[in-house]
């Protein structure tokens, strides 16, 4: 099994973190965090980040593993008289043992968690589970796919980008050093004007800031002076530290530059989650930031697409086969 010392190293720092805004009306209520795991050390690098959210929001971690939709030898059935194809043949037993081990390790540090296993295409299973289990945040390790390859060979993150209505915490595989003694707690939170227009984004940012006492760095266009005053009024009510910067050129470029100059900053940003031809023509600020920075980033779907996608996923949801 992969080494799990990385989650132990953060115990002292994380145990000091408590959610201090339970009485704030604008606080985010994330009761469940979905954590996809595939058994690799790479996927487990998300656990310290999920642990932080568990501390901040008293959340339950929902560990999740997806079995292959069909037996690896299914395409050879024409050449063989019998190819077994049930969940055990696709690794159910080993997957269950693995998930129990991860859960036990988390339990040693008083982290509340459950686990589940489903059979099917992993990204569609993640989206289905997020909707059917009232997940508040998906947390996963992912690196951006080449712009050409994602058209023909999309990865799980590309499918989620296309279908999810749930906020996603994405941490790149190369942005966490398990040998580092530095905490992964954000030094600041970088965001933009949607803190006013997207209620989920607003609640998430203010809640993290109140839980960690870290400042916000908010980028606006140079003409948005009145909007800056509105944001100041909102944040002053909660006594949150913040700094509003008016970008002279491009907000996306300003955010990218700020993130690169502050490696421990987290980015929390609104996104319309464009994909396919729409993204190729109109672009995607969130995608550009994700590609250009190594900072942890939380993608919060724009409020206008949340209901549309949630209804669609409800219709397409497959039955999840196994739960502990």
C-alpha atoms as a PDB file:
ATOM      1  CA  UNK A   1       0.000   0.000   0.000  1.00  0.00           C
ATOM      2  CA  UNK A   2       1.204   3.571  -0.631  1.00  0.00           C
ATOM      3  CA  UNK A   3       3.003   5.383   2.162  1.00  0.00           C
ATOM      4  CA  UNK A   4       0.702   7.613   4.209  1.00  0.00           C
ATOM      5  CA  UNK A   5       3.256   9.492   6.283  1.00  0.00           C
ATOM      6  CA  UNK A   6       2.387  12.654   4.378  1.00  0.00           C
ATOM      7  CA  UNK A   7      -0.941  12.996   6.169  1.00  0.00           C
ATOM      8  CA  UNK A   8       0.632  12.429   9.577  1.00  0.00           C
ATOM      9  CA  UNK A   9       3.177  15.237   9.217  1.00  0.00           C
ATOM     10  CA  UNK A  10       0.446  17.843   9.216  1.00  0.00           C
ATOM     11  CA  UNK A  11      -1.291  16.660  12.381  1.00  0.00           C
ATOM     12  CA  UNK A  12      -0.022  19.331  14.752  1.00  0.00           C
ATOM     13  CA  UNK A  13      -0.789  22.236  12.465  1.00  0.00           C
ATOM     14  CA  UNK A  14      -4.192  20.969  11.441  1.00  0.00           C
ATOM     15  CA  UNK A  15      -5.360  20.068  14.917  1.00  0.00           C
ATOM     16  CA  UNK A  16      -4.980  23.758  15.805  1.00  0.00           C
ATOM     17  CA  UNK A  17      -7.475  24.721  13.077  1.00  0.00           C
ATOM     18  CA  UNK A  18     -11.099  24.979  14.169  1.00  0.00           C
ATOM     19  CA  UNK A  19     -14.104  26.496  12.479  1.00  0.00           C
ATOM     20  CA  UNK A  20     -14.629  29.787  14.291  1.00  0.00           C
ATOM     21  CA  UNK A  21     -17.551  31.072  12.256  1.00  0.00           C
ATOM     22  CA  UNK A  22     -20.361  28.705  13.187  1.00  0.00           C
ATOM     23  CA  UNK A  23     -22.575  31.620  14.144  1.00  0.00           C
ATOM     24  CA  UNK A  24     -21.928  33.546  10.915  1.00  0.00           C
ATOM     25  CA  UNK A  25     -24.971  33.545   8.634  1.00  0.00           C
ATOM     26  CA  UNK A  26     -22.778  33.682   5.552  1.00  0.00           C
ATOM     27  CA  UNK A  27     -20.716  30.617   6.483  1.00  0.00           C
ATOM     28  CA  UNK A  28     -20.467  27.657   4.131  1.00  0.00           C
ATOM     29  CA  UNK A  29     -21.902  24.341   5.251  1.00  0.00           C
ATOM     30  CA  UNK A  30     -19.880  21.548   3.652  1.00  0.00           C
ATOM     31  CA  UNK A  31     -21.088  18.418   5.380  1.00  0.00           C
ATOM     32  CA  UNK A  32     -19.522  15.961   2.933  1.00  0.00           C
ATOM     33  CA  UNK A  33     -16.338  16.050   0.858  1.00  0.00           C
ATOM     34  CA  UNK A  34     -15.924  13.529  -1.951  1.00  0.00           C
ATOM     35  CA  UNK A  35     -12.358  12.211  -2.239  1.00  0.00           C
ATOM     36  CA  UNK A  36     -11.758   9.959  -5.289  1.00  0.00           C
ATOM     37  CA  UNK A  37      -8.937   7.454  -4.729  1.00  0.00           C
ATOM     38  CA  UNK A  38      -7.537   4.962  -7.229  1.00  0.00           C
ATOM     39  CA  UNK A  39      -5.066   3.192  -4.940  1.00  0.00           C
ATOM     40  CA  UNK A  40      -2.050   5.189  -6.076  1.00  0.00           C
ATOM     41  CA  UNK A  41       0.231   7.380  -3.980  1.00  0.00           C
ATOM     42  CA  UNK A  42      -0.600  10.178  -6.403  1.00  0.00           C
ATOM     43  CA  UNK A  43      -4.322  10.167  -5.624  1.00  0.00           C
ATOM     44  CA  UNK A  44      -3.645  10.037  -1.876  1.00  0.00           C
ATOM     45  CA  UNK A  45      -1.809  13.362  -2.000  1.00  0.00           C
ATOM     46  CA  UNK A  46      -5.213  15.033  -1.802  1.00  0.00           C
ATOM     47  CA  UNK A  47      -5.874  13.625   1.684  1.00  0.00           C
ATOM     48  CA  UNK A  48      -4.092  16.408   3.650  1.00  0.00           C
ATOM     49  CA  UNK A  49      -6.141  19.019   1.804  1.00  0.00           C
ATOM     50  CA  UNK A  50      -9.392  17.150   2.416  1.00  0.00           C
ATOM     51  CA  UNK A  51      -8.315  16.827   6.033  1.00  0.00           C
ATOM     52  CA  UNK A  52      -8.009  20.612   6.277  1.00  0.00           C
ATOM     53  CA  UNK A  53     -11.584  21.051   5.048  1.00  0.00           C
ATOM     54  CA  UNK A  54     -12.734  18.417   7.495  1.00  0.00           C
ATOM     55  CA  UNK A  55     -11.205  20.482  10.289  1.00  0.00           C
ATOM     56  CA  UNK A  56     -12.563  23.799   9.021  1.00  0.00           C
ATOM     57  CA  UNK A  57     -16.116  22.660   8.344  1.00  0.00           C
ATOM     58  CA  UNK A  58     -16.461  19.550  10.567  1.00  0.00           C
ATOM     59  CA  UNK A  59     -17.022  17.653   7.338  1.00  0.00           C
ATOM     60  CA  UNK A  60     -17.236  13.956   6.669  1.00  0.00           C
ATOM     61  CA  UNK A  61     -14.810  12.629   4.053  1.00  0.00           C
ATOM     62  CA  UNK A  62     -16.491  10.352   1.522  1.00  0.00           C
ATOM     63  CA  UNK A  63     -13.687   8.198   0.126  1.00  0.00           C
ATOM     64  CA  UNK A  64     -14.625   6.856  -3.291  1.00  0.00           C
ATOM     65  CA  UNK A  65     -13.229   4.226  -5.656  1.00  0.00           C
ATOM     66  CA  UNK A  66     -14.539   3.212  -9.058  1.00  0.00           C
ATOM     67  CA  UNK A  67     -14.116  -0.269 -10.496  1.00  0.00           C
ATOM     68  CA  UNK A  68     -13.712  -0.729 -14.268  1.00  0.00           C
ATOM     69  CA  UNK A  69     -17.064  -0.780 -16.106  1.00  0.00           C
ATOM     70  CA  UNK A  70     -16.192  -4.170 -17.586  1.00  0.00           C
ATOM     71  CA  UNK A  71     -13.667  -6.948 -17.116  1.00  0.00           C
ATOM     72  CA  UNK A  72     -10.234  -6.171 -18.660  1.00  0.00           C
ATOM     73  CA  UNK A  73     -10.515  -9.332 -20.789  1.00  0.00           C
ATOM     74  CA  UNK A  74     -14.062  -8.632 -21.966  1.00  0.00           C
ATOM     75  CA  UNK A  75     -12.880  -7.868 -25.505  1.00  0.00           C
ATOM     76  CA  UNK A  76     -11.360 -11.355 -25.735  1.00  0.00           C
ATOM     77  CA  UNK A  77     -14.670 -13.173 -25.299  1.00  0.00           C
ATOM     78  CA  UNK A  78     -14.688 -14.168 -28.962  1.00  0.00           C
ATOM     79  CA  UNK A  79     -11.461 -16.077 -28.409  1.00  0.00           C
ATOM     80  CA  UNK A  80     -12.318 -17.646 -25.052  1.00  0.00           C
ATOM     81  CA  UNK A  81     -15.317 -19.682 -24.046  1.00  0.00           C
ATOM     82  CA  UNK A  82     -15.552 -18.019 -20.639  1.00  0.00           C
ATOM     83  CA  UNK A  83     -14.401 -14.682 -19.292  1.00  0.00           C
ATOM     84  CA  UNK A  84     -15.542 -13.973 -15.719  1.00  0.00           C
ATOM     85  CA  UNK A  85     -17.177 -10.578 -15.288  1.00  0.00           C
ATOM     86  CA  UNK A  86     -18.414  -9.700 -11.859  1.00  0.00           C
ATOM     87  CA  UNK A  87     -17.306  -7.170  -9.301  1.00  0.00           C
ATOM     88  CA  UNK A  88     -14.886  -9.532  -7.568  1.00  0.00           C
ATOM     89  CA  UNK A  89     -13.151 -10.228 -10.868  1.00  0.00           C
ATOM     90  CA  UNK A  90     -12.692  -6.489 -11.332  1.00  0.00           C
ATOM     91  CA  UNK A  91     -11.000  -6.008  -7.974  1.00  0.00           C
ATOM     92  CA  UNK A  92     -13.849  -5.499  -5.511  1.00  0.00           C
ATOM     93  CA  UNK A  93     -12.184  -7.405  -2.674  1.00  0.00           C
ATOM     94  CA  UNK A  94      -8.838  -5.625  -2.946  1.00  0.00           C
ATOM     95  CA  UNK A  95     -10.522  -2.255  -3.387  1.00  0.00           C
ATOM     96  CA  UNK A  96     -12.572  -2.808  -0.248  1.00  0.00           C
ATOM     97  CA  UNK A  97      -9.486  -3.723   1.780  1.00  0.00           C
ATOM     98  CA  UNK A  98      -7.679  -0.675   0.469  1.00  0.00           C
ATOM     99  CA  UNK A  99     -10.522   1.704   1.318  1.00  0.00           C
ATOM    100  CA  UNK A 100     -10.823   0.251   4.815  1.00  0.00           C
ATOM    101  CA  UNK A 101      -7.106   0.779   5.398  1.00  0.00           C
ATOM    102  CA  UNK A 102      -7.292   4.424   4.339  1.00  0.00           C
ATOM    103  CA  UNK A 103     -10.352   4.927   6.543  1.00  0.00           C
ATOM    104  CA  UNK A 104      -8.582   3.359   9.522  1.00  0.00           C
ATOM    105  CA  UNK A 105      -5.549   5.612   9.050  1.00  0.00           C
ATOM    106  CA  UNK A 106      -7.766   8.674   8.969  1.00  0.00           C
ATOM    107  CA  UNK A 107      -9.656   7.448  12.010  1.00  0.00           C
ATOM    108  CA  UNK A 108      -6.429   7.385  14.025  1.00  0.00           C
ATOM    109  CA  UNK A 109      -6.396  11.155  13.666  1.00  0.00           C
ATOM    110  CA  UNK A 110     -10.092  11.531  14.506  1.00  0.00           C
ATOM    111  CA  UNK A 111     -11.087  12.251  10.922  1.00  0.00           C
ATOM    112  CA  UNK A 112     -14.652  11.188  10.211  1.00  0.00           C
ATOM    113  CA  UNK A 113     -14.884   9.265   6.941  1.00  0.00           C
ATOM    114  CA  UNK A 114     -16.924   6.743   4.993  1.00  0.00           C
ATOM    115  CA  UNK A 115     -16.083   4.892   1.821  1.00  0.00           C
ATOM    116  CA  UNK A 116     -17.921   3.670  -1.209  1.00  0.00           C
ATOM    117  CA  UNK A 117     -17.197   1.685  -4.363  1.00  0.00           C
ATOM    118  CA  UNK A 118     -19.007   1.901  -7.685  1.00  0.00           C
ATOM    119  CA  UNK A 119     -18.649   0.177 -11.029  1.00  0.00           C
ATOM    120  CA  UNK A 120     -18.428   2.382 -14.093  1.00  0.00           C
ATOM    121  CA  UNK A 121     -16.570   5.191 -15.813  1.00  0.00           C
ATOM    122  CA  UNK A 122     -14.818   7.004 -12.960  1.00  0.00           C
ATOM    123  CA  UNK A 123     -15.711  10.593 -13.829  1.00  0.00           C
ATOM    124  CA  UNK A 124     -19.397   9.850 -14.376  1.00  0.00           C
ATOM    125  CA  UNK A 125     -19.453   7.951 -11.085  1.00  0.00           C
ATOM    126  CA  UNK A 126     -17.895  10.922  -9.280  1.00  0.00           C
ATOM    127  CA  UNK A 127     -20.508  13.297 -10.702  1.00  0.00           C
ATOM    128  CA  UNK A 128     -23.326  10.905  -9.847  1.00  0.00           C
ATOM    129  CA  UNK A 129     -22.103  10.407  -6.298  1.00  0.00           C
ATOM    130  CA  UNK A 130     -21.698  14.150  -5.805  1.00  0.00           C
ATOM    131  CA  UNK A 131     -25.371  14.710  -6.649  1.00  0.00           C
ATOM    132  CA  UNK A 132     -26.947  11.693  -4.963  1.00  0.00           C
ATOM    133  CA  UNK A 133     -24.956  12.085  -1.726  1.00  0.00           C
ATOM    134  CA  UNK A 134     -25.306  15.878  -1.383  1.00  0.00           C
ATOM    135  CA  UNK A 135     -21.556  16.420  -1.671  1.00  0.00           C
ATOM    136  CA  UNK A 136     -20.396  19.961  -0.935  1.00  0.00           C
ATOM    137  CA  UNK A 137     -16.919  19.704  -2.448  1.00  0.00           C
ATOM    138  CA  UNK A 138     -14.970  17.314  -4.675  1.00  0.00           C
ATOM    139  CA  UNK A 139     -11.260  17.160  -3.783  1.00  0.00           C
ATOM    140  CA  UNK A 140      -8.817  15.516  -6.170  1.00  0.00           C
ATOM    141  CA  UNK A 141      -5.319  15.445  -7.636  1.00  0.00           C
ATOM    142  CA  UNK A 142      -5.240  16.363 -11.316  1.00  0.00           C
ATOM    143  CA  UNK A 143      -2.962  17.916 -13.894  1.00  0.00           C
ATOM    144  CA  UNK A 144      -4.284  19.716 -16.988  1.00  0.00           C
ATOM    145  CA  UNK A 145      -4.603  17.743 -20.189  1.00  0.00           C
ATOM    146  CA  UNK A 146      -2.936  18.884 -23.389  1.00  0.00           C
ATOM    147  CA  UNK A 147      -5.442  21.054 -25.278  1.00  0.00           C
ATOM    148  CA  UNK A 148      -5.380  18.783 -28.327  1.00  0.00           C
ATOM    149  CA  UNK A 149      -5.336  15.492 -26.437  1.00  0.00           C
ATOM    150  CA  UNK A 150      -8.306  16.424 -24.263  1.00  0.00           C
ATOM    151  CA  UNK A 151     -10.478  16.541 -27.393  1.00  0.00           C
ATOM    152  CA  UNK A 152      -9.699  12.939 -28.354  1.00  0.00           C
ATOM    153  CA  UNK A 153      -8.460  11.439 -25.057  1.00  0.00           C
ATOM    154  CA  UNK A 154     -10.139  13.359 -22.225  1.00  0.00           C
ATOM    155  CA  UNK A 155      -9.142  12.606 -18.633  1.00  0.00           C
ATOM    156  CA  UNK A 156     -11.437  12.472 -15.624  1.00  0.00           C
ATOM    157  CA  UNK A 157     -10.843  16.153 -14.876  1.00  0.00           C
ATOM    158  CA  UNK A 158     -11.959  17.047 -18.403  1.00  0.00           C
ATOM    159  CA  UNK A 159     -15.210  15.117 -17.985  1.00  0.00           C
ATOM    160  CA  UNK A 160     -15.843  16.711 -14.589  1.00  0.00           C
ATOM    161  CA  UNK A 161     -15.254  20.131 -16.115  1.00  0.00           C
ATOM    162  CA  UNK A 162     -17.993  19.324 -18.593  1.00  0.00           C
ATOM    163  CA  UNK A 163     -20.565  17.887 -16.202  1.00  0.00           C
ATOM    164  CA  UNK A 164     -20.133  18.837 -12.550  1.00  0.00           C
ATOM    165  CA  UNK A 165     -22.260  21.327 -10.649  1.00  0.00           C
ATOM    166  CA  UNK A 166     -20.202  20.920  -7.478  1.00  0.00           C
ATOM    167  CA  UNK A 167     -17.136  22.992  -6.466  1.00  0.00           C
ATOM    168  CA  UNK A 168     -13.867  21.160  -7.153  1.00  0.00           C
ATOM    169  CA  UNK A 169     -10.637  21.520  -5.207  1.00  0.00           C
ATOM    170  CA  UNK A 170      -7.839  20.632  -7.630  1.00  0.00           C
ATOM    171  CA  UNK A 171      -4.260  20.126  -6.519  1.00  0.00           C
ATOM    172  CA  UNK A 172      -1.621  19.370  -9.100  1.00  0.00           C
ATOM    173  CA  UNK A 173       0.482  16.268  -8.640  1.00  0.00           C
ATOM    174  CA  UNK A 174       3.677  18.333  -8.669  1.00  0.00           C
ATOM    175  CA  UNK A 175       2.537  20.948  -6.144  1.00  0.00           C
ATOM    176  CA  UNK A 176       2.799  18.927  -2.941  1.00  0.00           C
ATOM    177  CA  UNK A 177       6.155  17.908  -1.524  1.00  0.00           C
ATOM    178  CA  UNK A 178       5.664  15.230   1.109  1.00  0.00           C
ATOM    179  CA  UNK A 179       9.119  15.957   2.515  1.00  0.00           C
ATOM    180  CA  UNK A 180       8.351  19.616   3.146  1.00  0.00           C
ATOM    181  CA  UNK A 181       7.735  20.848   6.670  1.00  0.00           C
ATOM    182  CA  UNK A 182       5.725  23.819   5.426  1.00  0.00           C
ATOM    183  CA  UNK A 183       2.023  23.732   6.119  1.00  0.00           C
ATOM    184  CA  UNK A 184      -0.345  23.538   3.174  1.00  0.00           C
ATOM    185  CA  UNK A 185      -2.701  25.954   4.888  1.00  0.00           C
ATOM    186  CA  UNK A 186      -3.175  28.913   2.512  1.00  0.00           C
ATOM    187  CA  UNK A 187      -1.136  32.054   3.092  1.00  0.00           C
ATOM    188  CA  UNK A 188      -3.833  34.063   1.310  1.00  0.00           C
ATOM    189  CA  UNK A 189      -6.851  33.484  -0.896  1.00  0.00           C
ATOM    190  CA  UNK A 190      -6.880  34.926  -4.397  1.00  0.00           C
ATOM    191  CA  UNK A 191     -10.232  35.620  -6.052  1.00  0.00           C
ATOM    192  CA  UNK A 192     -12.129  38.118  -8.197  1.00  0.00           C
ATOM    193  CA  UNK A 193     -15.374  40.095  -8.464  1.00  0.00           C
ATOM    194  CA  UNK A 194     -17.690  37.056  -8.437  1.00  0.00           C
ATOM    195  CA  UNK A 195     -17.389  37.113  -4.650  1.00  0.00           C
ATOM    196  CA  UNK A 196     -20.397  39.435  -4.978  1.00  0.00           C
ATOM    197  CA  UNK A 197     -22.384  37.667  -7.710  1.00  0.00           C
ATOM    198  CA  UNK A 198     -21.889  33.977  -6.813  1.00  0.00           C
ATOM    199  CA  UNK A 199     -23.299  33.174  -3.340  1.00  0.00           C
ATOM    200  CA  UNK A 200     -21.527  29.807  -3.122  1.00  0.00           C
ATOM    201  CA  UNK A 201     -18.194  31.438  -3.928  1.00  0.00           C
ATOM    202  CA  UNK A 202     -18.850  34.191  -1.399  1.00  0.00           C
ATOM    203  CA  UNK A 203     -19.731  31.788   1.399  1.00  0.00           C
ATOM    204  CA  UNK A 204     -16.811  29.491   0.640  1.00  0.00           C
ATOM    205  CA  UNK A 205     -14.236  32.284   0.597  1.00  0.00           C
ATOM    206  CA  UNK A 206     -15.470  34.045   3.714  1.00  0.00           C
ATOM    207  CA  UNK A 207     -15.689  30.758   5.609  1.00  0.00           C
ATOM    208  CA  UNK A 208     -12.132  29.706   4.725  1.00  0.00           C
ATOM    209  CA  UNK A 209     -10.823  33.152   5.597  1.00  0.00           C
ATOM    210  CA  UNK A 210     -12.581  33.144   8.952  1.00  0.00           C
ATOM    211  CA  UNK A 211     -11.377  29.622   9.709  1.00  0.00           C
ATOM    212  CA  UNK A 212      -7.744  30.336   8.838  1.00  0.00           C
ATOM    213  CA  UNK A 213      -7.504  34.077   9.491  1.00  0.00           C
ATOM    214  CA  UNK A 214      -5.745  34.512   6.139  1.00  0.00           C
ATOM    215  CA  UNK A 215      -6.315  37.624   4.013  1.00  0.00           C
ATOM    216  CA  UNK A 216      -8.131  37.834   0.704  1.00  0.00           C
ATOM    217  CA  UNK A 217      -6.564  39.240  -2.441  1.00  0.00           C
ATOM    218  CA  UNK A 218      -9.377  40.375  -4.743  1.00  0.00           C
ATOM    219  CA  UNK A 219      -8.787  41.445  -8.344  1.00  0.00           C
ATOM    220  CA  UNK A 220     -11.173  43.790 -10.134  1.00  0.00           C
ATOM    221  CA  UNK A 221     -11.113  45.686 -13.418  1.00  0.00           C
ATOM    222  CA  UNK A 222      -9.826  49.225 -13.092  1.00  0.00           C
ATOM    223  CA  UNK A 223     -13.303  50.649 -13.806  1.00  0.00           C
ATOM    224  CA  UNK A 224     -15.039  48.651 -11.057  1.00  0.00           C
ATOM    225  CA  UNK A 225     -14.562  51.163  -8.228  1.00  0.00           C
ATOM    226  CA  UNK A 226     -18.187  50.949  -7.071  1.00  0.00           C
ATOM    227  CA  UNK A 227     -18.011  47.155  -7.020  1.00  0.00           C
ATOM    228  CA  UNK A 228     -14.903  47.425  -4.855  1.00  0.00           C
ATOM    229  CA  UNK A 229     -16.851  49.522  -2.361  1.00  0.00           C
ATOM    230  CA  UNK A 230     -19.616  46.908  -2.299  1.00  0.00           C
ATOM    231  CA  UNK A 231     -17.098  44.134  -1.607  1.00  0.00           C
ATOM    232  CA  UNK A 232     -15.496  46.201   1.150  1.00  0.00           C
ATOM    233  CA  UNK A 233     -18.862  46.665   2.819  1.00  0.00           C
ATOM    234  CA  UNK A 234     -19.499  42.901   2.723  1.00  0.00           C
ATOM    235  CA  UNK A 235     -16.108  41.905   4.126  1.00  0.00           C
ATOM    236  CA  UNK A 236     -15.953  44.657   6.748  1.00  0.00           C
ATOM    237  CA  UNK A 237     -19.091  43.203   8.300  1.00  0.00           C
ATOM    238  CA  UNK A 238     -17.186  39.979   8.964  1.00  0.00           C
ATOM    239  CA  UNK A 239     -13.935  41.693   9.954  1.00  0.00           C
ATOM    240  CA  UNK A 240     -12.067  39.817   7.248  1.00  0.00           C
ATOM    241  CA  UNK A 241      -8.656  41.044   6.160  1.00  0.00           C
ATOM    242  CA  UNK A 242      -8.534  41.807   2.456  1.00  0.00           C
ATOM    243  CA  UNK A 243      -6.808  43.786  -0.239  1.00  0.00           C
ATOM    244  CA  UNK A 244      -8.552  44.901  -3.434  1.00  0.00           C
ATOM    245  CA  UNK A 245      -6.343  45.395  -6.475  1.00  0.00           C
ATOM    246  CA  UNK A 246      -7.552  47.035  -9.669  1.00  0.00           C
ATOM    247  CA  UNK A 247      -6.036  45.340 -12.686  1.00  0.00           C
ATOM    248  CA  UNK A 248      -4.830  47.711 -15.369  1.00  0.00           C
ATOM    249  CA  UNK A 249      -4.945  45.074 -18.102  1.00  0.00           C
ATOM    250  CA  UNK A 250      -6.217  41.505 -17.764  1.00  0.00           C
ATOM    251  CA  UNK A 251      -7.603  40.121 -14.485  1.00  0.00           C
ATOM    252  CA  UNK A 252      -6.687  36.554 -15.424  1.00  0.00           C
ATOM    253  CA  UNK A 253      -3.067  37.530 -16.031  1.00  0.00           C
ATOM    254  CA  UNK A 254      -3.017  39.491 -12.780  1.00  0.00           C
ATOM    255  CA  UNK A 255      -4.292  36.457 -10.840  1.00  0.00           C
ATOM    256  CA  UNK A 256      -1.744  34.186 -12.492  1.00  0.00           C
ATOM    257  CA  UNK A 257       1.093  36.566 -11.641  1.00  0.00           C
ATOM    258  CA  UNK A 258      -0.057  36.941  -8.027  1.00  0.00           C
ATOM    259  CA  UNK A 259      -0.334  33.176  -7.617  1.00  0.00           C
ATOM    260  CA  UNK A 260       3.111  32.540  -9.048  1.00  0.00           C
ATOM    261  CA  UNK A 261       4.561  35.138  -6.674  1.00  0.00           C
ATOM    262  CA  UNK A 262       2.765  33.536  -3.706  1.00  0.00           C
ATOM    263  CA  UNK A 263       3.198  29.732  -3.974  1.00  0.00           C
ATOM    264  CA  UNK A 264       1.228  29.009  -0.806  1.00  0.00           C
ATOM    265  CA  UNK A 265      -1.775  31.060  -1.861  1.00  0.00           C
ATOM    266  CA  UNK A 266      -4.983  29.284  -2.807  1.00  0.00           C
ATOM    267  CA  UNK A 267      -7.089  30.406  -5.755  1.00  0.00           C
ATOM    268  CA  UNK A 268     -10.885  30.317  -5.419  1.00  0.00           C
ATOM    269  CA  UNK A 269     -12.558  31.343  -8.635  1.00  0.00           C
ATOM    270  CA  UNK A 270     -15.924  31.360 -10.374  1.00  0.00           C
ATOM    271  CA  UNK A 271     -16.151  29.509 -13.688  1.00  0.00           C
ATOM    272  CA  UNK A 272     -18.724  28.961 -16.402  1.00  0.00           C
ATOM    273  CA  UNK A 273     -16.878  25.694 -17.049  1.00  0.00           C
ATOM    274  CA  UNK A 274     -16.889  26.091 -20.799  1.00  0.00           C
ATOM    275  CA  UNK A 275     -15.815  23.047 -22.765  1.00  0.00           C
ATOM    276  CA  UNK A 276     -15.412  21.831 -26.322  1.00  0.00           C
ATOM    277  CA  UNK A 277     -15.874  24.334 -29.141  1.00  0.00           C
ATOM    278  CA  UNK A 278     -17.330  26.909 -26.749  1.00  0.00           C
ATOM    279  CA  UNK A 279     -14.117  26.907 -24.714  1.00  0.00           C
ATOM    280  CA  UNK A 280     -11.971  26.926 -27.853  1.00  0.00           C
ATOM    281  CA  UNK A 281     -13.770  30.039 -29.168  1.00  0.00           C
ATOM    282  CA  UNK A 282     -14.523  31.982 -25.980  1.00  0.00           C
ATOM    283  CA  UNK A 283     -11.745  30.664 -23.764  1.00  0.00           C
ATOM    284  CA  UNK A 284     -11.922  29.895 -20.054  1.00  0.00           C
ATOM    285  CA  UNK A 285     -10.272  32.052 -17.401  1.00  0.00           C
ATOM    286  CA  UNK A 286     -10.355  29.252 -14.839  1.00  0.00           C
ATOM    287  CA  UNK A 287      -8.766  26.826 -17.288  1.00  0.00           C
ATOM    288  CA  UNK A 288      -6.029  29.337 -18.133  1.00  0.00           C
ATOM    289  CA  UNK A 289      -5.239  29.880 -14.446  1.00  0.00           C
ATOM    290  CA  UNK A 290      -5.268  26.138 -13.752  1.00  0.00           C
ATOM    291  CA  UNK A 291      -2.773  25.549 -16.563  1.00  0.00           C
ATOM    292  CA  UNK A 292      -0.421  28.347 -15.634  1.00  0.00           C
ATOM    293  CA  UNK A 293      -0.104  28.004 -11.841  1.00  0.00           C
ATOM    294  CA  UNK A 294       0.815  25.285  -9.364  1.00  0.00           C
ATOM    295  CA  UNK A 295      -1.345  26.667  -6.548  1.00  0.00           C
ATOM    296  CA  UNK A 296      -4.295  24.718  -5.160  1.00  0.00           C
ATOM    297  CA  UNK A 297      -7.378  25.986  -6.955  1.00  0.00           C
ATOM    298  CA  UNK A 298     -11.070  25.692  -6.138  1.00  0.00           C
ATOM    299  CA  UNK A 299     -13.308  25.935  -9.178  1.00  0.00           C
ATOM    300  CA  UNK A 300     -16.801  27.121  -8.209  1.00  0.00           C
ATOM    301  CA  UNK A 301     -19.386  26.621 -10.986  1.00  0.00           C
ATOM    302  CA  UNK A 302     -21.201  29.764 -12.055  1.00  0.00           C
ATOM    303  CA  UNK A 303     -24.657  29.927 -10.497  1.00  0.00           C
ATOM    304  CA  UNK A 304     -26.371  29.958 -13.904  1.00  0.00           C
ATOM    305  CA  UNK A 305     -25.183  26.454 -14.832  1.00  0.00           C
ATOM    306  CA  UNK A 306     -25.575  24.750 -11.452  1.00  0.00           C
ATOM    307  CA  UNK A 307     -29.298  23.960 -11.673  1.00  0.00           C
ATOM    308  CA  UNK A 308     -29.071  22.944 -15.320  1.00  0.00           C
ATOM    309  CA  UNK A 309     -26.263  20.481 -14.694  1.00  0.00           C
ATOM    310  CA  UNK A 310     -27.724  19.116 -11.464  1.00  0.00           C
ATOM    311  CA  UNK A 311     -30.980  18.224 -13.192  1.00  0.00           C
ATOM    312  CA  UNK A 312     -29.133  16.582 -16.063  1.00  0.00           C
ATOM    313  CA  UNK A 313     -26.969  14.483 -13.752  1.00  0.00           C
ATOM    314  CA  UNK A 314     -30.026  13.343 -11.774  1.00  0.00           C
ATOM    315  CA  UNK A 315     -31.491  11.961 -15.003  1.00  0.00           C
ATOM    316  CA  UNK A 316     -28.279  10.197 -16.021  1.00  0.00           C
ATOM    317  CA  UNK A 317     -27.241   8.907 -12.605  1.00  0.00           C
ATOM    318  CA  UNK A 318     -26.432   5.234 -12.519  1.00  0.00           C
ATOM    319  CA  UNK A 319     -27.035   3.063  -9.479  1.00  0.00           C
ATOM    320  CA  UNK A 320     -24.001   3.045  -7.209  1.00  0.00           C
ATOM    321  CA  UNK A 321     -23.534  -0.584  -6.338  1.00  0.00           C
ATOM    322  CA  UNK A 322     -21.710  -0.812  -3.057  1.00  0.00           C
ATOM    323  CA  UNK A 323     -21.576   1.291   0.101  1.00  0.00           C
ATOM    324  CA  UNK A 324     -20.084   0.430   3.444  1.00  0.00           C
END
